[in-house]
Amino acid sequence: MLMQDLTAQIQQATQDREEKSEVKAKTLQAKADAEGDLKDTSDTRDADQHYLDDLTATCEQKASDFESRQQLRAEEFEAINKAIEII
């Protein structure tokens, strides 16, 4: 009877240890996957931020150029009107 109890306890302890090992392995794998996803997401975010910064700078430059051209055209139009008045 005592021998059976001890054998049962050993089997139960062995089974518990194996289950804990499986859970630990799954947890470590999930952690590794999550860290990989985090790195991919961070890299993508950094690339997107760089693209946004470049795009914003380009748009601001184009807006500034457009304003300059609009001002130049207005001055040219005014000069043409003065020329017409003189003629």
Protein backbone atom coordinates (compact mmCIF):
# COMPACT_ATOMS: atom_id res chain seq x y z
CA MET A 1 0.00 0.00 0.00
CA LEU A 2 2.75 2.46 0.95
CA MET A 3 4.72 1.45 -2.14
CA GLN A 4 1.69 2.10 -4.37
CA ASP A 5 1.16 5.53 -2.79
CA LEU A 6 4.81 6.46 -3.29
CA THR A 7 4.74 5.21 -6.88
CA ALA A 8 1.57 7.20 -7.54
CA GLN A 9 3.13 10.32 -6.03
CA ILE A 10 6.23 9.90 -8.19
CA GLN A 11 4.10 9.48 -11.31
CA GLN A 12 2.01 12.53 -10.41
CA ALA A 13 5.12 14.62 -9.71
CA THR A 14 6.66 13.52 -13.01
CA GLN A 15 3.45 14.39 -14.88
CA ASP A 16 3.25 17.78 -13.13
CA ARG A 17 6.89 18.51 -14.02
CA GLU A 18 6.29 17.62 -17.69
CA GLU A 19 3.18 19.81 -17.83
CA LYS A 20 5.06 22.71 -16.28
CA SER A 21 7.89 22.22 -18.78
CA GLU A 22 5.40 22.34 -21.66
CA VAL A 23 3.76 25.47 -20.29
CA LYS A 24 7.16 27.11 -19.83
CA ALA A 25 8.20 26.21 -23.38
CA LYS A 26 4.96 27.62 -24.80
CA THR A 27 5.37 30.77 -22.73
CA LEU A 28 8.93 31.27 -23.91
CA GLN A 29 7.87 30.74 -27.52
CA ALA A 30 5.02 33.24 -27.12
CA LYS A 31 7.46 35.73 -25.62
CA ALA A 32 9.89 35.28 -28.51
CA ASP A 33 7.06 35.72 -31.02
CA ALA A 34 5.83 38.85 -29.24
CA GLU A 35 9.32 40.34 -29.18
CA GLY A 36 9.70 39.64 -32.89
CA ASP A 37 6.35 41.27 -33.60
CA LEU A 38 7.34 44.26 -31.49
CA LYS A 39 10.58 44.70 -33.41
CA ASP A 40 8.79 44.41 -36.77
CA THR A 41 6.13 46.88 -35.66
CA SER A 42 8.72 49.31 -34.30
CA ASP A 43 10.74 49.12 -37.52
CA THR A 44 7.62 49.70 -39.60
CA ARG A 45 6.59 52.63 -37.39
CA ASP A 46 10.04 54.19 -37.71
CA ALA A 47 9.99 53.81 -41.49
CA ASP A 48 6.49 55.29 -41.65
CA GLN A 49 7.54 58.22 -39.47
CA HIS A 50 10.53 58.88 -41.72
CA TYR A 51 8.27 58.77 -44.79
CA LEU A 52 5.79 61.14 -43.11
CA ASP A 53 8.57 63.58 -42.20
CA ASP A 54 9.87 63.55 -45.78
CA LEU A 55 6.38 63.94 -47.20
CA THR A 56 5.57 66.81 -44.86
CA ALA A 57 8.78 68.61 -45.81
CA THR A 58 8.05 68.09 -49.50
CA CYS A 59 4.50 69.39 -49.14
CA GLU A 60 5.66 72.45 -47.21
CA GLN A 61 8.27 73.16 -49.88
CA LYS A 62 5.71 72.80 -52.67
CA ALA A 63 3.25 75.06 -50.82
CA SER A 64 5.98 77.67 -50.39
CA ASP A 65 6.92 77.43 -54.07
CA PHE A 66 3.27 77.76 -55.05
CA GLU A 67 2.87 80.90 -52.94
CA SER A 68 6.00 82.37 -54.52
CA ARG A 69 4.71 81.66 -58.02
CA GLN A 70 1.31 83.12 -57.14
CA GLN A 71 2.99 86.30 -55.87
CA LEU A 72 5.16 86.48 -59.00
CA ARG A 73 2.12 86.06 -61.26
CA ALA A 74 0.25 88.77 -59.38
CA GLU A 75 3.21 91.14 -59.84
CA GLU A 76 3.46 90.24 -63.53
CA PHE A 77 -0.27 90.84 -63.95
CA GLU A 78 0.06 94.22 -62.26
CA ALA A 79 3.01 95.11 -64.50
CA ILE A 80 1.04 94.12 -67.62
CA ASN A 81 -1.90 96.28 -66.50
CA LYS A 82 0.42 99.26 -65.98
CA ALA A 83 1.95 98.66 -69.41
CA ILE A 84 -1.52 98.61 -70.95
CA GLU A 85 -2.39 101.88 -69.21
CA ILE A 86 0.77 103.49 -70.51
CA ILE A 87 0.07 102.38 -74.06
